[in-house]
Amino acid sequence: MAQANRRERRRSGRPPAGARPGEKVSDYPQLSVRIPPEMKRKLEVLSMLQSKPQWRIVFESVEYFIRSLPESEQGKVQAVLSRRP
């Protein structure tokens, strides 16, 4: 019984599911894009098969795309990112 009192109380609901620990997806800026219906369907299927939300599929795709660039191009991306507030 003493151990039960020492445990931290669990918060109700789902834990934050952002890209980094503690971040909430609802705090992220929204993005709206127009894509062909067949690409939207592919995104839906990937999301379902991978058991991941669509935003995470897009997030990982952009990260993968940047990593696939030649190092000189990756450097340009990082240079631009470092200039922005």
PDB file of N, CA and C in Angstrom:
ATOM      1  N   MET A   1       0.814  -1.187   0.000  1.00  0.00           N
ATOM      2  CA  MET A   1       0.000   0.000   0.000  1.00  0.00           C
ATOM      3  C   MET A   1       0.861   1.256   0.000  1.00  0.00           C
ATOM      4  N   ALA A   2       1.988   1.206   0.713  1.00  0.00           N
ATOM      5  CA  ALA A   2       2.871   2.369   0.759  1.00  0.00           C
ATOM      6  C   ALA A   2       3.411   2.695  -0.619  1.00  0.00           C
ATOM      7  N   GLN A   3       3.671   1.660  -1.426  1.00  0.00           N
ATOM      8  CA  GLN A   3       4.181   1.882  -2.764  1.00  0.00           C
ATOM      9  C   GLN A   3       3.159   2.596  -3.636  1.00  0.00           C
ATOM     10  N   ALA A   4       1.918   2.276  -3.476  1.00  0.00           N
ATOM     11  CA  ALA A   4       0.871   2.904  -4.274  1.00  0.00           C
ATOM     12  C   ALA A   4       0.817   4.399  -4.020  1.00  0.00           C
ATOM     13  N   ASN A   5       1.066   4.829  -2.810  1.00  0.00           N
ATOM     14  CA  ASN A   5       1.040   6.255  -2.489  1.00  0.00           C
ATOM     15  C   ASN A   5       2.225   6.999  -3.088  1.00  0.00           C
ATOM     16  N   ARG A   6       3.337   6.310  -3.294  1.00  0.00           N
ATOM     17  CA  ARG A   6       4.539   6.947  -3.826  1.00  0.00           C
ATOM     18  C   ARG A   6       4.472   7.148  -5.334  1.00  0.00           C
ATOM     19  N   ARG A   7       3.684   6.370  -6.005  1.00  0.00           N
ATOM     20  CA  ARG A   7       3.588   6.474  -7.461  1.00  0.00           C
ATOM     21  C   ARG A   7       3.016   7.826  -7.857  1.00  0.00           C
ATOM     22  N   GLU A   8       3.534   8.314  -8.977  1.00  0.00           N
ATOM     23  CA  GLU A   8       2.975   9.553  -9.516  1.00  0.00           C
ATOM     24  C   GLU A   8       1.619   9.252 -10.127  1.00  0.00           C
ATOM     25  N   ARG A   9       0.735  10.202 -10.030  1.00  0.00           N
ATOM     26  CA  ARG A   9      -0.583  10.015 -10.644  1.00  0.00           C
ATOM     27  C   ARG A   9      -0.437  10.160 -12.147  1.00  0.00           C
ATOM     28  N   ARG A  10      -1.042   9.250 -12.845  1.00  0.00           N
ATOM     29  CA  ARG A  10      -1.031   9.323 -14.306  1.00  0.00           C
ATOM     30  C   ARG A  10      -2.031  10.361 -14.761  1.00  0.00           C
ATOM     31  N   ARG A  11      -1.632  11.074 -15.786  1.00  0.00           N
ATOM     32  CA  ARG A  11      -2.548  12.044 -16.368  1.00  0.00           C
ATOM     33  C   ARG A  11      -3.556  11.302 -17.224  1.00  0.00           C
ATOM     34  N   SER A  12      -4.760  11.787 -17.256  1.00  0.00           N
ATOM     35  CA  SER A  12      -5.773  11.141 -18.085  1.00  0.00           C
ATOM     36  C   SER A  12      -5.572  11.535 -19.542  1.00  0.00           C
ATOM     37  N   GLY A  13      -6.051  10.707 -20.430  1.00  0.00           N
ATOM     38  CA  GLY A  13      -5.959  10.987 -21.853  1.00  0.00           C
ATOM     39  C   GLY A  13      -4.677  10.457 -22.460  1.00  0.00           C
ATOM     40  N   ARG A  14      -4.513  10.751 -23.740  1.00  0.00           N
ATOM     41  CA  ARG A  14      -3.345  10.274 -24.462  1.00  0.00           C
ATOM     42  C   ARG A  14      -2.148  11.172 -24.170  1.00  0.00           C
ATOM     43  N   PRO A  15      -0.948  10.612 -24.167  1.00  0.00           N
ATOM     44  CA  PRO A  15       0.245  11.436 -23.969  1.00  0.00           C
ATOM     45  C   PRO A  15       0.500  12.289 -25.215  1.00  0.00           C
ATOM     46  N   PRO A  16       1.247  13.393 -25.066  1.00  0.00           N
ATOM     47  CA  PRO A  16       1.567  14.208 -26.234  1.00  0.00           C
ATOM     48  C   PRO A  16       2.258  13.355 -27.297  1.00  0.00           C
ATOM     49  N   ALA A  17       1.939  13.608 -28.557  1.00  0.00           N
ATOM     50  CA  ALA A  17       2.476  12.764 -29.627  1.00  0.00           C
ATOM     51  C   ALA A  17       3.191  13.584 -30.690  1.00  0.00           C
ATOM     52  N   GLY A  18       3.939  14.580 -30.272  1.00  0.00           N
ATOM     53  CA  GLY A  18       4.650  15.411 -31.226  1.00  0.00           C
ATOM     54  C   GLY A  18       5.909  14.744 -31.751  1.00  0.00           C
ATOM     55  N   ALA A  19       6.646  15.486 -32.564  1.00  0.00           N
ATOM     56  CA  ALA A  19       7.866  14.956 -33.165  1.00  0.00           C
ATOM     57  C   ALA A  19       8.962  14.761 -32.124  1.00  0.00           C
ATOM     58  N   ARG A  20       8.947  15.565 -31.071  1.00  0.00           N
ATOM     59  CA  ARG A  20       9.917  15.443 -29.988  1.00  0.00           C
ATOM     60  C   ARG A  20       9.177  15.257 -28.674  1.00  0.00           C
ATOM     61  N   PRO A  21       9.815  14.639 -27.693  1.00  0.00           N
ATOM     62  CA  PRO A  21       9.144  14.360 -26.412  1.00  0.00           C
ATOM     63  C   PRO A  21       8.526  15.613 -25.789  1.00  0.00           C
ATOM     64  N   GLY A  22       7.302  15.466 -25.339  1.00  0.00           N
ATOM     65  CA  GLY A  22       6.600  16.555 -24.659  1.00  0.00           C
ATOM     66  C   GLY A  22       5.879  17.535 -25.566  1.00  0.00           C
ATOM     67  N   GLU A  23       6.128  17.467 -26.863  1.00  0.00           N
ATOM     68  CA  GLU A  23       5.464  18.389 -27.776  1.00  0.00           C
ATOM     69  C   GLU A  23       4.060  17.881 -28.110  1.00  0.00           C
ATOM     70  N   LYS A  24       3.154  18.829 -28.300  1.00  0.00           N
ATOM     71  CA  LYS A  24       1.794  18.481 -28.689  1.00  0.00           C
ATOM     72  C   LYS A  24       1.591  18.854 -30.152  1.00  0.00           C
ATOM     73  N   VAL A  25       0.997  17.954 -30.891  1.00  0.00           N
ATOM     74  CA  VAL A  25       0.726  18.201 -32.306  1.00  0.00           C
ATOM     75  C   VAL A  25      -0.192  19.418 -32.460  1.00  0.00           C
ATOM     76  N   SER A  26      -1.105  19.597 -31.532  1.00  0.00           N
ATOM     77  CA  SER A  26      -2.047  20.717 -31.637  1.00  0.00           C
ATOM     78  C   SER A  26      -1.347  22.073 -31.541  1.00  0.00           C
ATOM     79  N   ASP A  27      -0.105  22.111 -31.055  1.00  0.00           N
ATOM     80  CA  ASP A  27       0.654  23.361 -30.979  1.00  0.00           C
ATOM     81  C   ASP A  27       1.424  23.654 -32.272  1.00  0.00           C
ATOM     82  N   TYR A  28       1.471  22.711 -33.191  1.00  0.00           N
ATOM     83  CA  TYR A  28       2.211  22.894 -34.432  1.00  0.00           C
ATOM     84  C   TYR A  28       1.420  23.770 -35.395  1.00  0.00           C
ATOM     85  N   PRO A  29       2.127  24.520 -36.272  1.00  0.00           N
ATOM     86  CA  PRO A  29       1.420  25.267 -37.311  1.00  0.00           C
ATOM     87  C   PRO A  29       0.751  24.289 -38.278  1.00  0.00           C
ATOM     88  N   GLN A  30      -0.341  24.714 -38.860  1.00  0.00           N
ATOM     89  CA  GLN A  30      -1.029  23.864 -39.820  1.00  0.00           C
ATOM     90  C   GLN A  30      -0.514  24.140 -41.223  1.00  0.00           C
ATOM     91  N   LEU A  31      -0.583  23.128 -42.064  1.00  0.00           N
ATOM     92  CA  LEU A  31      -0.162  23.212 -43.450  1.00  0.00           C
ATOM     93  C   LEU A  31      -1.289  22.671 -44.311  1.00  0.00           C
ATOM     94  N   SER A  32      -1.611  23.401 -45.360  1.00  0.00           N
ATOM     95  CA  SER A  32      -2.642  22.940 -46.281  1.00  0.00           C
ATOM     96  C   SER A  32      -2.018  22.831 -47.661  1.00  0.00           C
ATOM     97  N   VAL A  33      -2.141  21.673 -48.270  1.00  0.00           N
ATOM     98  CA  VAL A  33      -1.590  21.454 -49.605  1.00  0.00           C
ATOM     99  C   VAL A  33      -2.643  20.797 -50.484  1.00  0.00           C
ATOM    100  N   ARG A  34      -2.508  21.016 -51.769  1.00  0.00           N
ATOM    101  CA  ARG A  34      -3.381  20.344 -52.723  1.00  0.00           C
ATOM    102  C   ARG A  34      -2.545  19.280 -53.431  1.00  0.00           C
ATOM    103  N   ILE A  35      -3.025  18.063 -53.394  1.00  0.00           N
ATOM    104  CA  ILE A  35      -2.327  16.965 -54.055  1.00  0.00           C
ATOM    105  C   ILE A  35      -3.353  16.169 -54.861  1.00  0.00           C
ATOM    106  N   PRO A  36      -2.894  15.476 -55.892  1.00  0.00           N
ATOM    107  CA  PRO A  36      -3.817  14.666 -56.686  1.00  0.00           C
ATOM    108  C   PRO A  36      -4.482  13.594 -55.816  1.00  0.00           C
ATOM    109  N   PRO A  37      -5.699  13.214 -56.175  1.00  0.00           N
ATOM    110  CA  PRO A  37      -6.430  12.219 -55.382  1.00  0.00           C
ATOM    111  C   PRO A  37      -5.664  10.912 -55.163  1.00  0.00           C
ATOM    112  N   GLU A  38      -4.936  10.454 -56.187  1.00  0.00           N
ATOM    113  CA  GLU A  38      -4.216   9.189 -56.024  1.00  0.00           C
ATOM    114  C   GLU A  38      -3.074   9.311 -55.000  1.00  0.00           C
ATOM    115  N   MET A  39      -2.468  10.504 -54.897  1.00  0.00           N
ATOM    116  CA  MET A  39      -1.415  10.707 -53.907  1.00  0.00           C
ATOM    117  C   MET A  39      -2.021  10.792 -52.499  1.00  0.00           C
ATOM    118  N   LYS A  40      -3.172  11.404 -52.391  1.00  0.00           N
ATOM    119  CA  LYS A  40      -3.872  11.456 -51.109  1.00  0.00           C
ATOM    120  C   LYS A  40      -4.213  10.043 -50.642  1.00  0.00           C
ATOM    121  N   ARG A  41      -4.657   9.225 -51.564  1.00  0.00           N
ATOM    122  CA  ARG A  41      -4.997   7.833 -51.228  1.00  0.00           C
ATOM    123  C   ARG A  41      -3.750   7.069 -50.786  1.00  0.00           C
ATOM    124  N   LYS A  42      -2.624   7.303 -51.465  1.00  0.00           N
ATOM    125  CA  LYS A  42      -1.370   6.656 -51.067  1.00  0.00           C
ATOM    126  C   LYS A  42      -0.965   7.068 -49.655  1.00  0.00           C
ATOM    127  N   LEU A  43      -1.125   8.341 -49.350  1.00  0.00           N
ATOM    128  CA  LEU A  43      -0.812   8.823 -48.002  1.00  0.00           C
ATOM    129  C   LEU A  43      -1.711   8.162 -46.964  1.00  0.00           C
ATOM    130  N   GLU A  44      -2.989   8.043 -47.284  1.00  0.00           N
ATOM    131  CA  GLU A  44      -3.928   7.386 -46.367  1.00  0.00           C
ATOM    132  C   GLU A  44      -3.549   5.922 -46.134  1.00  0.00           C
ATOM    133  N   VAL A  45      -3.183   5.218 -47.228  1.00  0.00           N
ATOM    134  CA  VAL A  45      -2.820   3.805 -47.118  1.00  0.00           C
ATOM    135  C   VAL A  45      -1.524   3.651 -46.316  1.00  0.00           C
ATOM    136  N   LEU A  46      -0.523   4.484 -46.611  1.00  0.00           N
ATOM    137  CA  LEU A  46       0.725   4.429 -45.837  1.00  0.00           C
ATOM    138  C   LEU A  46       0.451   4.668 -44.353  1.00  0.00           C
ATOM    139  N   SER A  47      -0.372   5.646 -44.077  1.00  0.00           N
ATOM    140  CA  SER A  47      -0.716   5.956 -42.696  1.00  0.00           C
ATOM    141  C   SER A  47      -1.359   4.760 -42.004  1.00  0.00           C
ATOM    142  N   MET A  48      -2.263   4.124 -42.687  1.00  0.00           N
ATOM    143  CA  MET A  48      -2.960   2.966 -42.130  1.00  0.00           C
ATOM    144  C   MET A  48      -1.999   1.789 -41.935  1.00  0.00           C
ATOM    145  N   LEU A  49      -1.211   1.470 -42.961  1.00  0.00           N
ATOM    146  CA  LEU A  49      -0.318   0.321 -42.891  1.00  0.00           C
ATOM    147  C   LEU A  49       0.803   0.499 -41.868  1.00  0.00           C
ATOM    148  N   GLN A  50       1.278   1.721 -41.725  1.00  0.00           N
ATOM    149  CA  GLN A  50       2.366   1.999 -40.793  1.00  0.00           C
ATOM    150  C   GLN A  50       1.859   2.336 -39.383  1.00  0.00           C
ATOM    151  N   SER A  51       0.545   2.469 -39.243  1.00  0.00           N
ATOM    152  CA  SER A  51      -0.064   2.881 -37.964  1.00  0.00           C
ATOM    153  C   SER A  51       0.552   4.193 -37.468  1.00  0.00           C
ATOM    154  N   LYS A  52       0.674   5.128 -38.395  1.00  0.00           N
ATOM    155  CA  LYS A  52       1.227   6.445 -38.087  1.00  0.00           C
ATOM    156  C   LYS A  52       0.271   7.501 -38.615  1.00  0.00           C
ATOM    157  N   PRO A  53       0.186   8.635 -37.945  1.00  0.00           N
ATOM    158  CA  PRO A  53      -0.646   9.717 -38.488  1.00  0.00           C
ATOM    159  C   PRO A  53      -0.038  10.260 -39.784  1.00  0.00           C
ATOM    160  N   GLN A  54      -0.887  10.846 -40.605  1.00  0.00           N
ATOM    161  CA  GLN A  54      -0.428  11.364 -41.894  1.00  0.00           C
ATOM    162  C   GLN A  54       0.644  12.428 -41.722  1.00  0.00           C
ATOM    163  N   TRP A  55       0.529  13.263 -40.693  1.00  0.00           N
ATOM    164  CA  TRP A  55       1.537  14.316 -40.499  1.00  0.00           C
ATOM    165  C   TRP A  55       2.913  13.698 -40.283  1.00  0.00           C
ATOM    166  N   ARG A  56       2.971  12.549 -39.590  1.00  0.00           N
ATOM    167  CA  ARG A  56       4.267  11.922 -39.326  1.00  0.00           C
ATOM    168  C   ARG A  56       4.852  11.326 -40.616  1.00  0.00           C
ATOM    169  N   ILE A  57       4.009  10.795 -41.500  1.00  0.00           N
ATOM    170  CA  ILE A  57       4.481  10.279 -42.793  1.00  0.00           C
ATOM    171  C   ILE A  57       5.105  11.426 -43.591  1.00  0.00           C
ATOM    172  N   VAL A  58       4.446  12.572 -43.625  1.00  0.00           N
ATOM    173  CA  VAL A  58       4.970  13.735 -44.352  1.00  0.00           C
ATOM    174  C   VAL A  58       6.264  14.215 -43.698  1.00  0.00           C
ATOM    175  N   PHE A  59       6.283  14.314 -42.372  1.00  0.00           N
ATOM    176  CA  PHE A  59       7.458  14.744 -41.618  1.00  0.00           C
ATOM    177  C   PHE A  59       8.656  13.862 -41.944  1.00  0.00           C
ATOM    178  N   GLU A  60       8.478  12.547 -41.852  1.00  0.00           N
ATOM    179  CA  GLU A  60       9.562  11.612 -42.121  1.00  0.00           C
ATOM    180  C   GLU A  60       9.984  11.652 -43.587  1.00  0.00           C
ATOM    181  N   SER A  61       9.042  11.897 -44.488  1.00  0.00           N
ATOM    182  CA  SER A  61       9.363  11.973 -45.916  1.00  0.00           C
ATOM    183  C   SER A  61      10.253  13.173 -46.216  1.00  0.00           C
ATOM    184  N   VAL A  62       9.951  14.306 -45.611  1.00  0.00           N
ATOM    185  CA  VAL A  62      10.774  15.504 -45.816  1.00  0.00           C
ATOM    186  C   VAL A  62      12.172  15.275 -45.238  1.00  0.00           C
ATOM    187  N   GLU A  63      12.233  14.696 -44.030  1.00  0.00           N
ATOM    188  CA  GLU A  63      13.537  14.402 -43.418  1.00  0.00           C
ATOM    189  C   GLU A  63      14.343  13.447 -44.307  1.00  0.00           C
ATOM    190  N   TYR A  64      13.695  12.423 -44.824  1.00  0.00           N
ATOM    191  CA  TYR A  64      14.367  11.460 -45.695  1.00  0.00           C
ATOM    192  C   TYR A  64      14.844  12.141 -46.978  1.00  0.00           C
ATOM    193  N   PHE A  65      14.009  13.002 -47.546  1.00  0.00           N
ATOM    194  CA  PHE A  65      14.369  13.693 -48.774  1.00  0.00           C
ATOM    195  C   PHE A  65      15.612  14.554 -48.561  1.00  0.00           C
ATOM    196  N   ILE A  66      15.658  15.282 -47.456  1.00  0.00           N
ATOM    197  CA  ILE A  66      16.825  16.124 -47.162  1.00  0.00           C
ATOM    198  C   ILE A  66      18.074  15.261 -47.004  1.00  0.00           C
ATOM    199  N   ARG A  67      17.969  14.149 -46.294  1.00  0.00           N
ATOM    200  CA  ARG A  67      19.121  13.258 -46.101  1.00  0.00           C
ATOM    201  C   ARG A  67      19.585  12.634 -47.424  1.00  0.00           C
ATOM    202  N   SER A  68      18.688  12.516 -48.393  1.00  0.00           N
ATOM    203  CA  SER A  68      19.058  11.913 -49.675  1.00  0.00           C
ATOM    204  C   SER A  68      19.736  12.911 -50.619  1.00  0.00           C
ATOM    205  N   LEU A  69      19.726  14.188 -50.279  1.00  0.00           N
ATOM    206  CA  LEU A  69      20.375  15.196 -51.111  1.00  0.00           C
ATOM    207  C   LEU A  69      21.891  15.062 -51.006  1.00  0.00           C
ATOM    208  N   PRO A  70      22.598  15.530 -52.022  1.00  0.00           N
ATOM    209  CA  PRO A  70      24.067  15.580 -51.908  1.00  0.00           C
ATOM    210  C   PRO A  70      24.448  16.489 -50.728  1.00  0.00           C
ATOM    211  N   GLU A  71      25.612  16.234 -50.146  1.00  0.00           N
ATOM    212  CA  GLU A  71      26.026  16.998 -48.963  1.00  0.00           C
ATOM    213  C   GLU A  71      26.040  18.495 -49.215  1.00  0.00           C
ATOM    214  N   SER A  72      26.410  18.904 -50.432  1.00  0.00           N
ATOM    215  CA  SER A  72      26.436  20.343 -50.731  1.00  0.00           C
ATOM    216  C   SER A  72      25.029  20.941 -50.632  1.00  0.00           C
ATOM    217  N   GLU A  73      24.037  20.206 -51.115  1.00  0.00           N
ATOM    218  CA  GLU A  73      22.654  20.679 -51.032  1.00  0.00           C
ATOM    219  C   GLU A  73      22.153  20.667 -49.586  1.00  0.00           C
ATOM    220  N   GLN A  74      22.517  19.631 -48.838  1.00  0.00           N
ATOM    221  CA  GLN A  74      22.142  19.575 -47.420  1.00  0.00           C
ATOM    222  C   GLN A  74      22.727  20.778 -46.684  1.00  0.00           C
ATOM    223  N   GLY A  75      23.963  21.139 -47.029  1.00  0.00           N
ATOM    224  CA  GLY A  75      24.600  22.307 -46.419  1.00  0.00           C
ATOM    225  C   GLY A  75      23.842  23.582 -46.713  1.00  0.00           C
ATOM    226  N   LYS A  76      23.347  23.706 -47.944  1.00  0.00           N
ATOM    227  CA  LYS A  76      22.560  24.894 -48.303  1.00  0.00           C
ATOM    228  C   LYS A  76      21.274  24.953 -47.486  1.00  0.00           C
ATOM    229  N   VAL A  77      20.620  23.801 -47.332  1.00  0.00           N
ATOM    230  CA  VAL A  77      19.388  23.753 -46.536  1.00  0.00           C
ATOM    231  C   VAL A  77      19.690  24.198 -45.103  1.00  0.00           C
ATOM    232  N   GLN A  78      20.763  23.661 -44.519  1.00  0.00           N
ATOM    233  CA  GLN A  78      21.129  24.016 -43.143  1.00  0.00           C
ATOM    234  C   GLN A  78      21.494  25.487 -43.023  1.00  0.00           C
ATOM    235  N   ALA A  79      22.177  26.024 -44.044  1.00  0.00           N
ATOM    236  CA  ALA A  79      22.557  27.438 -44.019  1.00  0.00           C
ATOM    237  C   ALA A  79      21.324  28.332 -44.002  1.00  0.00           C
ATOM    238  N   VAL A  80      20.352  28.013 -44.823  1.00  0.00           N
ATOM    239  CA  VAL A  80      19.122  28.809 -44.861  1.00  0.00           C
ATOM    240  C   VAL A  80      18.359  28.670 -43.539  1.00  0.00           C
ATOM    241  N   LEU A  81      18.288  27.444 -43.023  1.00  0.00           N
ATOM    242  CA  LEU A  81      17.579  27.214 -41.761  1.00  0.00           C
ATOM    243  C   LEU A  81      18.238  27.980 -40.613  1.00  0.00           C
ATOM    244  N   SER A  82      19.544  28.058 -40.607  1.00  0.00           N
ATOM    245  CA  SER A  82      20.245  28.736 -39.509  1.00  0.00           C
ATOM    246  C   SER A  82      20.043  30.247 -39.554  1.00  0.00           C
ATOM    247  N   ARG A  83      19.694  30.809 -40.705  1.00  0.00           N
ATOM    248  CA  ARG A  83      19.448  32.253 -40.822  1.00  0.00           C
ATOM    249  C   ARG A  83      18.065  32.655 -40.360  1.00  0.00           C
ATOM    250  N   ARG A  84      17.128  31.719 -40.401  1.00  0.00           N
ATOM    251  CA  ARG A  84      15.743  32.042 -40.045  1.00  0.00           C
ATOM    252  C   ARG A  84      15.550  31.984 -38.546  1.00  0.00           C
ATOM    253  N   PRO A  85      14.773  32.938 -38.013  1.00  0.00           N
ATOM    254  CA  PRO A  85      14.528  32.941 -36.560  1.00  0.00           C
ATOM    255  C   PRO A  85      13.678  31.781 -36.093  1.00  0.00           C
TER     256      PRO A  85
END
